[in-house]
N, C-alpha and C. Protein backbone atom coordinates (compact mmCIF):
# COMPACT_ATOMS: atom_id res chain seq x y z
N MET A 1 89.65 -22.94 -72.70
CA MET A 1 88.13 -23.79 -72.73
C MET A 1 87.76 -24.38 -72.28
N ALA A 2 88.57 -25.28 -73.66
CA ALA A 2 87.32 -27.12 -73.52
C ALA A 2 87.97 -27.37 -72.24
N SER A 3 89.38 -27.25 -72.32
CA SER A 3 89.75 -28.55 -70.99
C SER A 3 88.81 -28.27 -69.35
N THR A 4 88.13 -26.47 -69.12
CA THR A 4 87.47 -26.15 -68.56
C THR A 4 86.24 -27.30 -68.22
N ALA A 5 85.53 -27.26 -69.74
CA ALA A 5 84.33 -27.86 -69.82
C ALA A 5 84.68 -29.39 -69.72
N LYS A 6 85.99 -29.95 -70.03
CA LYS A 6 85.93 -31.04 -69.74
C LYS A 6 85.74 -31.28 -67.90
N ASP A 7 86.59 -30.59 -67.43
CA ASP A 7 87.06 -31.00 -66.03
C ASP A 7 85.79 -30.51 -65.31
N ALA A 8 84.97 -29.68 -65.73
CA ALA A 8 83.79 -29.02 -64.78
C ALA A 8 82.67 -30.50 -65.76
N ARG A 9 82.59 -31.50 -65.93
CA ARG A 9 82.04 -32.77 -66.64
C ARG A 9 82.26 -33.61 -66.12
N ASP A 10 83.99 -33.84 -66.07
CA ASP A 10 84.46 -34.71 -64.86
C ASP A 10 83.71 -34.57 -63.50
N LEU A 11 83.73 -33.29 -63.14
CA LEU A 11 83.03 -32.74 -61.70
C LEU A 11 82.08 -33.83 -61.03
N PHE A 12 81.13 -33.07 -62.23
CA PHE A 12 79.46 -33.67 -62.25
C PHE A 12 79.18 -35.43 -62.72
N SER A 13 80.31 -35.72 -62.75
CA SER A 13 80.24 -36.89 -63.27
C SER A 13 80.28 -37.92 -61.70
N ALA A 14 82.18 -37.59 -61.47
CA ALA A 14 82.08 -38.22 -60.03
C ALA A 14 81.00 -37.83 -58.97
N MET A 15 80.00 -37.02 -58.36
CA MET A 15 79.27 -36.95 -57.69
C MET A 15 78.44 -37.34 -58.00
N ARG A 16 78.29 -37.62 -59.69
CA ARG A 16 76.72 -37.94 -59.69
C ARG A 16 77.51 -39.26 -59.44
N ASN A 17 77.87 -39.84 -59.43
CA ASN A 17 78.62 -41.30 -58.89
C ASN A 17 78.16 -41.39 -57.81
N ALA A 18 79.41 -40.59 -57.42
CA ALA A 18 79.02 -40.70 -55.39
C ALA A 18 78.38 -40.31 -54.82
N TYR A 19 77.13 -39.71 -55.13
CA TYR A 19 75.06 -39.69 -55.06
C TYR A 19 74.53 -40.87 -54.83
N SER A 20 74.72 -41.59 -56.30
CA SER A 20 73.91 -42.46 -56.35
C SER A 20 74.17 -44.09 -55.49
N LYS A 21 75.35 -43.27 -54.43
CA LYS A 21 75.62 -44.49 -53.39
C LYS A 21 74.77 -44.60 -52.85
N THR A 22 74.33 -43.24 -51.95
CA THR A 22 74.11 -42.64 -51.36
C THR A 22 72.08 -42.63 -50.53
N PRO A 23 72.17 -43.32 -49.69
CA PRO A 23 70.97 -44.22 -49.39
C PRO A 23 69.55 -43.29 -49.77
N THR A 24 68.64 -43.91 -49.64
CA THR A 24 67.46 -43.17 -49.82
C THR A 24 66.56 -42.27 -49.08
N ARG A 25 66.88 -42.78 -47.79
CA ARG A 25 66.48 -41.75 -46.78
C ARG A 25 67.48 -40.81 -46.62
N LEU A 26 68.45 -40.74 -46.64
CA LEU A 26 69.74 -39.35 -46.84
C LEU A 26 69.05 -38.52 -48.29
N LYS A 27 68.73 -39.21 -48.93
CA LYS A 27 68.28 -38.36 -50.11
C LYS A 27 67.56 -37.68 -50.03
N VAL A 28 66.26 -38.34 -49.25
CA VAL A 28 64.67 -37.57 -48.65
C VAL A 28 65.00 -36.47 -47.94
N ILE A 29 66.32 -36.75 -47.46
CA ILE A 29 66.53 -35.91 -46.39
C ILE A 29 66.96 -34.75 -46.98
N ASP A 30 67.54 -35.20 -48.27
CA ASP A 30 68.46 -33.95 -49.21
C ASP A 30 67.27 -32.95 -49.84
N VAL A 31 66.58 -34.02 -49.84
CA VAL A 31 65.41 -33.23 -50.99
C VAL A 31 63.85 -32.09 -49.66
N TYR A 32 63.97 -31.94 -48.91
CA TYR A 32 63.92 -31.51 -47.14
C TYR A 32 64.84 -30.32 -47.22
N ILE A 33 65.87 -30.85 -47.43
CA ILE A 33 66.89 -29.16 -46.64
C ILE A 33 66.45 -28.35 -48.30
N LEU A 34 66.44 -28.93 -49.15
CA LEU A 34 66.54 -28.00 -50.19
C LEU A 34 65.02 -27.08 -50.89
N TYR A 35 64.07 -28.31 -50.17
CA TYR A 35 62.66 -27.71 -50.47
C TYR A 35 62.56 -26.13 -49.02
N GLY A 36 63.14 -26.17 -47.83
CA GLY A 36 63.19 -25.53 -47.13
C GLY A 36 64.35 -23.93 -47.19
N LEU A 37 65.17 -24.95 -48.14
CA LEU A 37 66.23 -23.25 -49.25
C LEU A 37 65.39 -22.36 -49.91
N ILE A 38 64.76 -23.37 -50.78
CA ILE A 38 63.99 -22.60 -51.97
C ILE A 38 63.07 -21.59 -51.25
N THR A 39 61.70 -22.65 -50.21
CA THR A 39 61.59 -21.46 -49.71
C THR A 39 61.49 -20.34 -48.66
N ALA A 40 62.56 -20.12 -48.05
CA ALA A 40 63.52 -19.01 -48.23
C ALA A 40 63.63 -18.39 -49.10
N PHE A 41 64.74 -18.88 -50.18
CA PHE A 41 64.73 -17.62 -51.22
C PHE A 41 63.90 -16.86 -52.19
N VAL A 42 62.62 -18.30 -51.73
CA VAL A 42 61.25 -17.01 -52.60
C VAL A 42 60.72 -16.31 -51.65
N GLN A 43 61.12 -16.88 -50.35
CA GLN A 43 60.42 -15.52 -49.49
C GLN A 43 61.26 -14.08 -49.42
N VAL A 44 61.97 -14.47 -49.70
CA VAL A 44 63.19 -13.41 -49.65
C VAL A 44 62.41 -12.40 -50.71
N VAL A 45 62.81 -13.46 -52.48
CA VAL A 45 62.22 -12.66 -53.65
C VAL A 45 60.71 -11.64 -54.11
N TYR A 46 60.12 -12.17 -52.44
CA TYR A 46 58.97 -12.31 -52.84
C TYR A 46 58.52 -10.30 -52.14
N MET A 47 59.68 -11.09 -50.67
CA MET A 47 59.74 -9.01 -49.92
C MET A 47 60.91 -7.91 -50.82
N ALA A 48 61.31 -8.91 -52.11
CA ALA A 48 61.97 -7.60 -52.68
C ALA A 48 61.15 -7.27 -53.14
N MET A 49 60.75 -7.46 -54.07
CA MET A 49 59.68 -7.20 -54.95
C MET A 49 58.22 -6.06 -54.35
N VAL A 50 57.27 -7.32 -53.06
CA VAL A 50 56.50 -5.83 -52.29
C VAL A 50 56.61 -5.74 -51.78
N GLY A 51 57.29 -5.97 -50.79
CA GLY A 51 57.35 -4.80 -50.09
C GLY A 51 57.44 -5.52 -47.93
N THR A 52 58.41 -4.86 -47.25
CA THR A 52 58.50 -5.35 -45.96
C THR A 52 56.85 -5.12 -45.20
N PHE A 53 56.14 -5.00 -44.82
CA PHE A 53 55.04 -4.29 -44.12
C PHE A 53 55.01 -5.73 -42.65
N PRO A 54 54.50 -6.29 -42.81
CA PRO A 54 54.66 -7.52 -41.86
C PRO A 54 55.74 -7.35 -41.99
N PHE A 55 57.30 -6.93 -41.57
CA PHE A 55 58.67 -7.50 -41.98
C PHE A 55 58.43 -8.81 -40.81
N ASN A 56 57.93 -8.75 -39.17
CA ASN A 56 57.68 -9.86 -38.74
C ASN A 56 57.61 -11.16 -38.69
N ALA A 57 56.56 -11.63 -39.92
CA ALA A 57 55.80 -12.16 -40.00
C ALA A 57 57.12 -13.10 -41.53
N PHE A 58 57.86 -11.77 -42.24
CA PHE A 58 59.00 -12.16 -43.24
C PHE A 58 59.60 -12.82 -41.87
N LEU A 59 60.32 -12.04 -41.52
CA LEU A 59 61.60 -12.84 -40.51
C LEU A 59 60.97 -13.99 -39.43
N SER A 60 60.36 -14.12 -39.93
CA SER A 60 59.59 -15.49 -38.97
C SER A 60 59.37 -16.38 -40.21
N GLY A 61 58.57 -16.86 -41.50
CA GLY A 61 58.87 -17.06 -42.70
C GLY A 61 60.31 -17.46 -42.83
N VAL A 62 61.28 -16.69 -42.88
CA VAL A 62 62.66 -17.09 -42.71
C VAL A 62 63.18 -17.81 -42.04
N LEU A 63 63.50 -17.15 -41.22
CA LEU A 63 63.91 -17.94 -40.29
C LEU A 63 63.31 -19.36 -40.12
N SER A 64 62.26 -19.83 -39.90
CA SER A 64 61.40 -21.48 -40.05
C SER A 64 61.82 -21.95 -41.12
N CYS A 65 62.24 -21.46 -42.01
CA CYS A 65 62.76 -22.23 -43.43
C CYS A 65 64.28 -22.73 -43.15
N ILE A 66 64.54 -21.72 -42.84
CA ILE A 66 66.44 -22.00 -42.16
C ILE A 66 66.32 -22.73 -41.19
N GLY A 67 65.84 -21.73 -40.07
CA GLY A 67 66.12 -23.34 -39.33
C GLY A 67 65.82 -24.60 -39.37
N THR A 68 64.53 -24.43 -39.54
CA THR A 68 64.37 -25.98 -40.08
C THR A 68 65.78 -26.99 -41.42
N SER A 69 65.62 -25.45 -42.13
CA SER A 69 67.33 -26.48 -42.62
C SER A 69 68.31 -27.11 -41.98
N VAL A 70 68.89 -26.07 -41.07
CA VAL A 70 69.69 -26.54 -40.46
C VAL A 70 69.26 -27.52 -39.50
N LEU A 71 68.29 -27.91 -39.11
CA LEU A 71 67.64 -29.17 -38.29
C LEU A 71 68.25 -30.26 -39.14
N GLY A 72 67.77 -30.34 -40.21
CA GLY A 72 67.21 -31.22 -41.43
C GLY A 72 69.05 -31.12 -41.63
N VAL A 73 69.58 -30.72 -41.63
CA VAL A 73 71.32 -31.11 -41.83
C VAL A 73 71.75 -31.92 -40.49
N CYS A 74 71.85 -31.34 -39.62
CA CYS A 74 71.39 -32.44 -38.04
C CYS A 74 70.92 -33.84 -38.28
N LEU A 75 70.29 -33.84 -38.20
CA LEU A 75 69.74 -34.62 -38.55
C LEU A 75 70.45 -36.00 -39.47
N ARG A 76 70.90 -35.16 -41.12
CA ARG A 76 70.73 -36.16 -42.00
C ARG A 76 72.58 -36.82 -41.46
N MET A 77 73.07 -36.01 -40.79
CA MET A 77 74.27 -36.25 -40.02
C MET A 77 74.45 -37.38 -39.15
N GLN A 78 73.44 -37.02 -38.26
CA GLN A 78 72.74 -38.47 -37.24
C GLN A 78 72.80 -39.81 -37.91
N VAL A 79 71.70 -39.43 -38.67
CA VAL A 79 71.88 -40.75 -39.36
C VAL A 79 72.21 -41.57 -40.60
N ASN A 80 73.17 -40.55 -41.42
CA ASN A 80 74.09 -40.94 -42.07
C ASN A 80 74.59 -42.31 -41.83
N PRO A 81 75.01 -43.26 -42.31
CA PRO A 81 76.33 -44.45 -41.21
C PRO A 81 77.77 -44.23 -42.23
N ALA A 82 77.77 -43.43 -42.64
CA ALA A 82 78.79 -43.85 -43.47
C ALA A 82 79.87 -42.20 -41.88
N ASN A 83 78.82 -41.45 -41.69
CA ASN A 83 79.21 -41.19 -40.22
C ASN A 83 79.48 -41.58 -38.99
N LYS A 84 81.19 -41.46 -38.30
CA LYS A 84 81.34 -42.39 -37.22
C LYS A 84 81.03 -42.17 -35.57
N GLU A 85 80.66 -40.88 -35.73
CA GLU A 85 80.28 -39.83 -34.70
C GLU A 85 79.14 -39.97 -33.70
N PHE A 86 78.49 -40.72 -34.54
CA PHE A 86 77.14 -40.85 -34.33
C PHE A 86 76.38 -42.55 -34.54
N LYS A 87 77.53 -43.23 -34.52
CA LYS A 87 77.23 -44.97 -34.51
C LYS A 87 76.97 -45.41 -33.59
N ASP A 88 76.48 -44.84 -32.14
CA ASP A 88 76.01 -45.52 -31.42
C ASP A 88 74.59 -45.01 -30.68
N LEU A 89 73.87 -43.82 -32.14
CA LEU A 89 73.13 -43.14 -32.06
C LEU A 89 71.68 -43.81 -32.93
N PRO A 90 70.28 -44.65 -32.15
CA PRO A 90 70.00 -44.75 -33.10
C PRO A 90 68.85 -43.89 -34.06
N PRO A 91 68.82 -44.38 -35.49
CA PRO A 91 67.72 -43.50 -35.70
C PRO A 91 66.35 -43.13 -35.33
N GLU A 92 65.89 -43.37 -34.75
CA GLU A 92 65.53 -43.69 -34.06
C GLU A 92 65.18 -42.38 -33.36
N ARG A 93 66.12 -42.19 -32.64
CA ARG A 93 66.36 -41.43 -31.83
C ARG A 93 66.89 -40.14 -32.06
N ALA A 94 67.27 -40.03 -33.89
CA ALA A 94 68.17 -38.16 -33.76
C ALA A 94 66.35 -38.67 -34.88
N PHE A 95 65.89 -38.83 -35.04
CA PHE A 95 63.92 -38.25 -35.48
C PHE A 95 63.90 -37.73 -34.77
N ALA A 96 63.39 -38.49 -33.11
CA ALA A 96 63.09 -38.23 -32.01
C ALA A 96 63.40 -36.14 -31.65
N ASP A 97 65.23 -35.72 -31.91
CA ASP A 97 65.20 -35.46 -31.13
C ASP A 97 65.47 -33.81 -32.35
N PHE A 98 64.61 -33.90 -34.04
CA PHE A 98 64.71 -33.48 -34.69
C PHE A 98 63.20 -32.78 -34.30
N VAL A 99 62.51 -33.74 -34.26
CA VAL A 99 61.01 -33.17 -34.43
C VAL A 99 60.68 -32.59 -32.94
N LEU A 100 61.99 -33.01 -31.96
CA LEU A 100 61.58 -31.87 -30.51
C LEU A 100 61.84 -30.70 -31.26
N CYS A 101 63.03 -30.35 -31.77
CA CYS A 101 63.56 -29.44 -32.09
C CYS A 101 63.28 -28.77 -32.71
N ASN A 102 62.21 -28.77 -33.77
CA ASN A 102 61.20 -28.35 -34.63
C ASN A 102 60.33 -28.12 -34.09
N LEU A 103 59.64 -28.33 -33.11
CA LEU A 103 58.68 -28.09 -31.94
C LEU A 103 59.34 -26.49 -31.44
N VAL A 104 60.19 -26.96 -30.16
CA VAL A 104 60.79 -26.01 -29.89
C VAL A 104 61.24 -24.41 -30.37
N LEU A 105 61.57 -24.67 -32.11
CA LEU A 105 61.91 -23.60 -33.32
C LEU A 105 60.57 -23.19 -33.31
N HIS A 106 59.21 -23.73 -33.93
CA HIS A 106 58.22 -23.08 -34.15
C HIS A 106 57.48 -22.40 -33.38
N LEU A 107 57.90 -23.07 -32.04
CA LEU A 107 56.55 -21.99 -30.78
C LEU A 107 57.51 -20.58 -30.59
N VAL A 108 58.67 -20.52 -31.19
CA VAL A 108 59.80 -19.36 -30.73
C VAL A 108 59.04 -18.49 -31.70
N ILE A 109 59.02 -19.10 -33.29
CA ILE A 109 58.50 -18.55 -34.09
C ILE A 109 57.23 -17.94 -33.81
N MET A 110 56.57 -18.47 -33.17
CA MET A 110 55.04 -18.25 -33.56
C MET A 110 55.53 -16.84 -32.39
N ASN A 111 55.55 -17.40 -31.36
CA ASN A 111 56.16 -15.77 -30.35
C ASN A 111 56.61 -15.22 -30.66
N PHE A 112 57.16 -15.07 -31.74
CA PHE A 112 57.80 -13.93 -32.59
C PHE A 112 56.57 -13.53 -33.38
N LEU A 113 55.51 -13.92 -34.09
CA LEU A 113 55.34 -13.65 -35.06
C LEU A 113 53.92 -12.14 -34.25
N GLY A 114 54.01 -12.79 -32.67
CA GLY A 114 52.97 -11.26 -32.08
C GLY A 114 52.16 -11.40 -32.29
């Protein structure tokens, strides 16, 4: 048991050290993604406790949170300087794509509400 606890501490320490070198811009995007996922989880818990009467509203809310988080992950991948796949893509263009995709996502979700 002591070996497992030490391994877990070493793992978290290594992750903390690696994450401390992450640029602030990416940390802000990480918080945004986490907020979207937590909001979706809260909506699912609320639905489980209260009920699903306006089911379209529940689906729209959860899909909005999950979709926004997925788009946030795509934005993070595109603006990450360590990712060489998008080295020719300026961060402003990545953010403009993110905003446009969010606009389309939320137009679809507003249409789904009915």
